[in-house]
N, C-alpha and C. Protein backbone atom coordinates (compact mmCIF):
# COMPACT_ATOMS: atom_id res chain seq x y z
N MET A 1 13.15 19.79 4.56
CA MET A 1 12.16 19.37 5.54
C MET A 1 12.15 20.18 6.73
N THR A 2 11.00 20.30 7.29
CA THR A 2 10.61 21.09 8.36
C THR A 2 10.88 20.32 9.73
N ALA A 3 11.13 20.94 10.86
CA ALA A 3 11.22 20.09 11.92
C ALA A 3 9.67 19.87 12.29
N LYS A 4 8.82 20.55 11.86
CA LYS A 4 7.19 20.25 12.14
C LYS A 4 6.81 18.76 11.88
N PHE A 5 7.28 18.21 10.66
CA PHE A 5 7.18 16.74 10.43
C PHE A 5 8.20 15.78 10.51
N LYS A 6 9.04 16.18 11.52
CA LYS A 6 10.15 15.30 11.69
C LYS A 6 9.84 13.86 12.18
N LYS A 7 8.75 13.77 13.10
CA LYS A 7 8.34 12.65 13.48
C LYS A 7 7.67 11.90 12.35
N GLN A 8 6.84 12.47 11.60
CA GLN A 8 6.22 11.59 10.39
C GLN A 8 7.16 11.25 9.43
N HIS A 9 8.24 12.07 9.41
CA HIS A 9 9.22 11.65 8.28
C HIS A 9 9.78 10.49 8.76
N GLU A 10 10.29 10.45 10.18
CA GLU A 10 10.88 9.10 10.59
C GLU A 10 9.93 7.85 10.77
N GLN A 11 8.69 8.24 10.81
CA GLN A 11 7.68 7.00 10.65
C GLN A 11 7.65 6.48 9.36
N LEU A 12 7.64 7.56 8.33
CA LEU A 12 7.50 7.04 7.04
C LEU A 12 8.73 6.25 6.58
N GLU A 13 9.84 6.72 6.89
CA GLU A 13 11.12 6.00 6.49
C GLU A 13 11.14 4.61 7.22
N SER A 14 10.68 4.48 8.41
CA SER A 14 10.63 3.13 9.03
C SER A 14 9.54 2.34 8.44
N GLU A 15 8.41 2.87 8.01
CA GLU A 15 7.47 2.19 7.21
C GLU A 15 7.87 1.65 5.97
N HIS A 16 8.62 2.58 5.28
CA HIS A 16 9.29 2.25 3.75
C HIS A 16 10.22 1.09 4.08
N LYS A 17 11.00 1.08 4.97
CA LYS A 17 11.92 -0.11 5.25
C LYS A 17 11.31 -1.33 5.43
N ARG A 18 9.99 -1.37 6.28
CA ARG A 18 9.50 -2.45 6.65
C ARG A 18 8.82 -3.13 5.52
N LEU A 19 7.99 -2.36 4.70
CA LEU A 19 7.26 -2.67 3.56
C LEU A 19 8.30 -3.31 2.46
N THR A 20 9.40 -2.65 2.38
CA THR A 20 10.29 -3.02 1.35
C THR A 20 11.00 -4.56 1.73
N GLU A 21 11.16 -4.52 3.10
CA GLU A 21 11.60 -6.01 3.47
C GLU A 21 10.64 -7.00 3.25
N GLU A 22 9.53 -6.65 3.85
CA GLU A 22 8.25 -7.69 3.66
C GLU A 22 8.12 -8.07 2.08
N PHE A 23 8.07 -7.08 1.20
CA PHE A 23 8.09 -7.19 -0.10
C PHE A 23 9.16 -8.29 -0.87
N THR A 24 10.38 -7.98 -0.27
CA THR A 24 11.60 -8.79 -0.75
C THR A 24 11.37 -10.12 -0.25
N GLN A 25 11.07 -10.34 1.11
CA GLN A 25 10.73 -11.54 1.69
C GLN A 25 9.70 -12.31 0.85
N LEU A 26 8.57 -11.80 0.64
CA LEU A 26 7.63 -12.34 -0.12
C LEU A 26 8.04 -12.73 -1.53
N GLN A 27 8.86 -12.05 -2.22
CA GLN A 27 9.23 -12.41 -3.53
C GLN A 27 10.28 -13.75 -3.24
N THR A 28 11.28 -13.61 -2.49
CA THR A 28 12.22 -14.72 -2.25
C THR A 28 11.47 -16.00 -1.84
N THR A 29 10.41 -16.07 -1.04
CA THR A 29 9.78 -17.15 -0.68
C THR A 29 8.87 -17.67 -1.86
N ALA A 30 8.39 -16.90 -2.82
CA ALA A 30 7.59 -17.23 -4.00
C ALA A 30 8.56 -17.87 -4.94
N SER A 31 9.66 -17.37 -5.07
CA SER A 31 10.69 -17.81 -6.07
C SER A 31 11.24 -19.41 -5.64
N SER A 32 11.39 -19.44 -4.33
CA SER A 32 11.90 -20.75 -3.83
C SER A 32 10.92 -21.83 -3.81
N THR A 33 9.61 -21.32 -3.78
CA THR A 33 8.40 -22.39 -3.65
C THR A 33 8.28 -22.74 -5.18
N GLU A 34 8.30 -21.89 -6.10
CA GLU A 34 8.20 -22.21 -7.53
C GLU A 34 9.19 -23.19 -8.07
N GLU A 35 10.51 -22.94 -7.55
CA GLU A 35 11.75 -23.85 -7.93
C GLU A 35 11.42 -25.25 -7.46
N ARG A 36 10.98 -25.35 -6.03
CA ARG A 36 10.54 -26.73 -5.41
C ARG A 36 9.53 -27.48 -6.33
N ARG A 37 8.40 -26.73 -6.90
CA ARG A 37 7.51 -27.34 -7.60
C ARG A 37 7.65 -27.81 -9.02
N GLU A 38 8.73 -27.03 -9.52
CA GLU A 38 9.08 -27.31 -10.86
C GLU A 38 9.15 -28.67 -11.41
N GLY A 39 9.74 -29.49 -10.88
CA GLY A 39 9.93 -30.88 -11.20
C GLY A 39 8.76 -31.87 -10.70
N SER A 40 7.83 -31.55 -9.85
CA SER A 40 6.94 -32.34 -9.36
C SER A 40 5.76 -32.54 -10.29
N PRO A 41 5.20 -33.69 -10.31
CA PRO A 41 4.11 -34.04 -11.35
C PRO A 41 2.72 -33.46 -10.79
N PHE A 42 2.04 -32.71 -11.60
CA PHE A 42 0.75 -32.10 -11.27
C PHE A 42 -0.20 -32.96 -12.07
N GLY A 43 -1.17 -33.50 -11.25
CA GLY A 43 -2.22 -34.20 -12.07
C GLY A 43 -3.35 -34.30 -11.24
N LYS A 44 -3.31 -33.87 -10.04
CA LYS A 44 -4.69 -33.88 -9.37
C LYS A 44 -5.11 -32.56 -9.23
N ARG A 45 -6.44 -32.53 -9.34
CA ARG A 45 -7.13 -31.08 -9.46
C ARG A 45 -7.00 -30.36 -8.00
N GLU A 46 -6.89 -31.29 -7.14
CA GLU A 46 -6.96 -30.71 -5.65
C GLU A 46 -5.59 -30.06 -5.53
N GLU A 47 -4.54 -30.54 -5.93
CA GLU A 47 -3.11 -29.88 -5.95
C GLU A 47 -3.12 -28.55 -6.77
N GLU A 48 -3.70 -28.67 -7.91
CA GLU A 48 -3.68 -27.45 -8.72
C GLU A 48 -4.82 -26.40 -8.18
N ALA A 49 -5.71 -26.65 -7.31
CA ALA A 49 -6.58 -25.82 -6.80
C ALA A 49 -5.97 -25.17 -5.63
N THR A 50 -5.21 -25.81 -4.88
CA THR A 50 -4.48 -25.44 -3.75
C THR A 50 -3.38 -24.46 -4.29
N GLU A 51 -2.63 -24.87 -5.33
CA GLU A 51 -1.62 -24.08 -5.77
C GLU A 51 -2.25 -22.70 -6.45
N THR A 52 -3.29 -22.61 -6.97
CA THR A 52 -3.99 -21.52 -7.55
C THR A 52 -4.41 -20.62 -6.50
N LEU A 53 -4.98 -21.18 -5.29
CA LEU A 53 -5.25 -20.33 -4.35
C LEU A 53 -4.18 -19.72 -3.59
N GLU A 54 -3.17 -20.37 -3.54
CA GLU A 54 -2.03 -19.88 -2.87
C GLU A 54 -1.48 -18.64 -3.82
N LEU A 55 -1.53 -18.94 -4.87
CA LEU A 55 -0.88 -17.84 -5.85
C LEU A 55 -1.63 -16.70 -5.82
N GLU A 56 -3.18 -16.77 -5.79
CA GLU A 56 -3.84 -15.64 -5.76
C GLU A 56 -3.83 -14.84 -4.50
N LYS A 57 -3.55 -15.65 -3.37
CA LYS A 57 -3.31 -14.97 -1.99
C LYS A 57 -2.02 -14.33 -2.25
N ARG A 58 -0.96 -14.76 -2.75
CA ARG A 58 0.33 -14.04 -2.72
C ARG A 58 0.31 -12.95 -3.56
N LEU A 59 -0.36 -12.91 -4.86
CA LEU A 59 -0.52 -11.86 -5.72
C LEU A 59 -1.32 -10.71 -5.00
N ALA A 60 -2.41 -11.06 -4.34
CA ALA A 60 -3.18 -10.12 -3.54
C ALA A 60 -2.29 -9.31 -2.40
N LEU A 61 -1.48 -10.23 -1.82
CA LEU A 61 -0.56 -9.54 -0.81
C LEU A 61 0.60 -8.63 -1.33
N GLU A 62 0.93 -9.01 -2.62
CA GLU A 62 1.99 -8.35 -3.20
C GLU A 62 1.28 -6.96 -3.76
N ASN A 63 0.09 -6.88 -4.29
CA ASN A 63 -0.46 -5.90 -4.77
C ASN A 63 -0.81 -4.72 -3.53
N ARG A 64 -1.26 -5.37 -2.63
CA ARG A 64 -1.28 -4.50 -1.37
C ARG A 64 -0.13 -3.79 -0.79
N LEU A 65 0.92 -4.56 -0.71
CA LEU A 65 2.25 -4.07 -0.37
C LEU A 65 2.74 -2.95 -1.25
N ARG A 66 2.52 -3.26 -2.54
CA ARG A 66 2.94 -2.25 -3.79
C ARG A 66 2.06 -1.03 -3.33
N GLN A 67 0.89 -1.06 -3.23
CA GLN A 67 0.04 0.05 -2.94
C GLN A 67 0.33 0.81 -1.75
N GLU A 68 0.65 0.15 -0.77
CA GLU A 68 1.08 0.72 0.52
C GLU A 68 2.47 1.50 0.44
N LEU A 69 3.35 0.81 -0.37
CA LEU A 69 4.66 1.30 -0.56
C LEU A 69 4.52 2.60 -1.43
N ALA A 70 3.70 2.74 -2.30
CA ALA A 70 3.60 3.85 -3.21
C ALA A 70 2.98 4.96 -2.29
N LYS A 71 2.14 4.69 -1.50
CA LYS A 71 1.64 5.71 -0.58
C LYS A 71 2.80 6.41 0.12
N VAL A 72 3.55 5.59 0.84
CA VAL A 72 4.65 5.85 1.69
C VAL A 72 5.63 6.76 0.91
N GLU A 73 6.03 6.32 -0.28
CA GLU A 73 6.83 7.18 -1.16
C GLU A 73 6.28 8.31 -1.65
N HIS A 74 5.01 8.37 -1.83
CA HIS A 74 4.39 9.71 -2.12
C HIS A 74 4.49 10.68 -1.03
N ALA A 75 4.27 10.24 0.13
CA ALA A 75 4.40 11.22 1.29
C ALA A 75 5.80 11.59 1.53
N LEU A 76 6.66 10.71 1.29
CA LEU A 76 8.03 10.93 1.41
C LEU A 76 8.64 12.15 0.30
N GLU A 77 8.05 11.83 -0.86
CA GLU A 77 8.31 12.95 -1.94
C GLU A 77 7.69 14.24 -1.62
N LYS A 78 6.52 14.29 -1.06
CA LYS A 78 5.81 15.56 -0.62
C LYS A 78 6.70 16.33 0.59
N ILE A 79 7.26 15.51 1.33
CA ILE A 79 8.09 16.07 2.40
C ILE A 79 9.31 16.71 1.75
N GLU A 80 9.82 16.07 0.71
CA GLU A 80 10.94 16.65 0.23
C GLU A 80 10.74 18.09 -0.67
N LYS A 81 9.53 17.93 -1.33
CA LYS A 81 8.87 19.02 -2.18
C LYS A 81 8.29 20.25 -1.16
N GLY A 82 8.25 19.90 0.01
CA GLY A 82 7.57 20.98 0.91
C GLY A 82 6.08 21.08 0.88
N THR A 83 5.56 19.94 0.28
CA THR A 83 3.96 20.08 0.28
C THR A 83 3.24 19.23 1.18
N TYR A 84 4.22 18.53 2.05
CA TYR A 84 3.39 17.36 3.00
C TYR A 84 2.55 18.17 3.99
N GLY A 85 1.46 17.53 4.26
CA GLY A 85 0.41 18.09 5.16
C GLY A 85 -0.69 18.88 4.32
N LEU A 86 -0.31 18.98 3.03
CA LEU A 86 -1.59 19.61 2.27
C LEU A 86 -2.28 18.57 1.47
N CYS A 87 -3.40 18.63 1.39
CA CYS A 87 -4.45 17.76 0.80
C CYS A 87 -4.06 17.71 -0.70
N ASP A 88 -3.86 16.40 -1.39
CA ASP A 88 -3.55 16.52 -2.95
C ASP A 88 -4.76 16.90 -3.66
N ASN A 89 -6.03 16.80 -3.04
CA ASN A 89 -7.14 17.15 -3.88
C ASN A 89 -7.56 18.65 -3.81
N CYS A 90 -7.74 19.33 -2.63
CA CYS A 90 -8.01 20.56 -2.36
C CYS A 90 -7.07 21.45 -2.04
N GLY A 91 -5.90 21.06 -1.54
CA GLY A 91 -4.76 21.91 -1.23
C GLY A 91 -4.83 22.45 0.25
N HIS A 92 -5.98 22.29 1.00
CA HIS A 92 -6.04 22.63 2.30
C HIS A 92 -5.30 21.87 3.16
N PRO A 93 -4.82 22.19 4.37
CA PRO A 93 -4.03 21.67 5.35
C PRO A 93 -4.75 20.34 5.84
N ILE A 94 -4.11 19.17 6.08
CA ILE A 94 -4.58 18.15 6.56
C ILE A 94 -4.45 18.05 8.09
N ASP A 95 -5.30 17.78 8.76
CA ASP A 95 -5.47 17.74 10.24
C ASP A 95 -3.96 17.01 10.86
N PRO A 96 -3.30 17.68 11.60
CA PRO A 96 -2.17 16.98 12.29
C PRO A 96 -2.37 15.93 12.88
N GLU A 97 -3.68 15.84 13.53
CA GLU A 97 -3.86 14.44 14.31
C GLU A 97 -3.92 13.38 13.20
N ARG A 98 -4.72 13.68 12.12
CA ARG A 98 -4.69 12.70 10.89
C ARG A 98 -3.19 12.05 10.56
N LEU A 99 -2.53 13.30 10.38
CA LEU A 99 -1.11 12.80 9.97
C LEU A 99 -0.25 12.02 10.87
N GLU A 100 -0.66 12.35 12.31
CA GLU A 100 0.11 11.70 13.28
C GLU A 100 -0.50 10.24 13.27
N ALA A 101 -1.65 9.96 12.97
CA ALA A 101 -2.18 8.56 12.95
C ALA A 101 -1.80 7.77 11.85
N LEU A 102 -1.81 8.64 10.54
CA LEU A 102 -1.75 8.00 9.38
C LEU A 102 -0.81 8.96 8.56
N PRO A 103 0.66 8.68 8.74
CA PRO A 103 1.46 9.70 8.09
C PRO A 103 1.54 9.68 6.55
N GLN A 104 1.08 8.72 6.02
CA GLN A 104 0.96 8.62 4.60
C GLN A 104 -0.18 9.23 3.98
N ALA A 105 -1.18 9.83 4.99
CA ALA A 105 -2.48 10.31 4.48
C ALA A 105 -2.03 11.44 3.24
N SER A 106 -2.79 11.38 2.36
CA SER A 106 -2.68 12.44 1.28
C SER A 106 -3.93 13.24 0.97
N LEU A 107 -4.94 12.92 1.78
CA LEU A 107 -6.27 13.53 1.52
C LEU A 107 -6.78 14.24 2.91
N CYS A 108 -7.45 15.25 3.00
CA CYS A 108 -7.94 15.93 4.23
C CYS A 108 -9.09 15.03 4.46
N MET A 109 -9.91 14.99 5.56
CA MET A 109 -10.93 14.36 5.86
C MET A 109 -12.03 14.58 5.11
N ASN A 110 -12.23 15.80 4.69
CA ASN A 110 -13.48 16.16 3.79
C ASN A 110 -13.22 15.49 2.39
N CYS A 111 -12.11 15.61 1.77
CA CYS A 111 -11.85 14.99 0.50
C CYS A 111 -11.96 13.44 0.57
N LYS A 112 -11.45 12.97 1.71
CA LYS A 112 -11.37 11.55 1.77
C LYS A 112 -12.86 10.96 2.10
N ALA A 113 -13.72 11.54 2.65
CA ALA A 113 -15.05 11.33 3.05
C ALA A 113 -15.71 11.56 1.39
N GLN A 114 -15.51 12.30 0.69
CA GLN A 114 -16.31 12.71 -0.55
C GLN A 114 -15.89 11.70 -1.50
N LEU A 115 -14.66 11.18 -1.45
CA LEU A 115 -14.11 9.95 -2.17
C LEU A 115 -14.66 8.82 -1.79
N ALA A 116 -15.02 8.36 -0.52
CA ALA A 116 -15.65 7.28 -0.11
C ALA A 116 -17.14 7.23 -0.63
N LYS A 117 -17.75 8.33 -0.36
CA LYS A 117 -19.02 8.68 -0.85
C LYS A 117 -19.33 8.23 -2.26
N ASN A 118 -18.29 9.00 -3.02
CA ASN A 118 -18.64 8.67 -4.50
C ASN A 118 -18.30 7.25 -4.89
N ALA A 119 -17.53 6.50 -4.18
CA ALA A 119 -17.14 5.00 -4.41
C ALA A 119 -18.17 4.33 -4.17
N LYS A 120 -19.15 4.58 -3.09
CA LYS A 120 -20.36 3.93 -2.76
C LYS A 120 -21.46 3.92 -3.74
N VAL A 121 -21.50 5.26 -4.48
CA VAL A 121 -22.50 5.43 -5.47
C VAL A 121 -22.29 4.55 -6.65
N SER A 122 -22.97 3.67 -7.08
CA SER A 122 -22.74 2.96 -8.13
C SER A 122 -23.76 3.31 -9.30
N PRO A 123 -23.31 3.17 -10.76
CA PRO A 123 -24.22 3.53 -11.66
C PRO A 123 -25.48 2.66 -11.61
N PRO A 124 -26.90 3.12 -12.14
CA PRO A 124 -27.95 2.13 -12.22
C PRO A 124 -27.82 1.11 -13.10
N PRO A 125 -28.53 0.04 -12.97
CA PRO A 125 -28.24 -1.16 -13.68
C PRO A 125 -28.99 -0.91 -15.11
N ARG A 126 -28.37 -1.43 -16.00
CA ARG A 126 -28.93 -1.23 -17.39
C ARG A 126 -30.26 -2.20 -17.63
């Protein structure tokens, strides 16, 4: 690891720890909630709807945490390989200001903009 990216490495390590703790806490809370509900009678649609909504919210949060954790882990792997700071798509250097603001960034601004542009273009209706 070069001294050039020491600050980003520390930020990524800290973010990895925070995300891991948040994910673990979410899992613990979810399992304790399921245990409490196990013996309760479900018959009312309102209760089922509320439980379904809570489950969907928890799953969405878990998914977001997994994605963020994967981005951080990818950046940490790039630091170890010596490829940190290079765009995954084109291989050009990522702007240091971008890396300072978003240490887990894996695309340069040009590639990120192109990706966003392509995402907005939807196929014509059939």
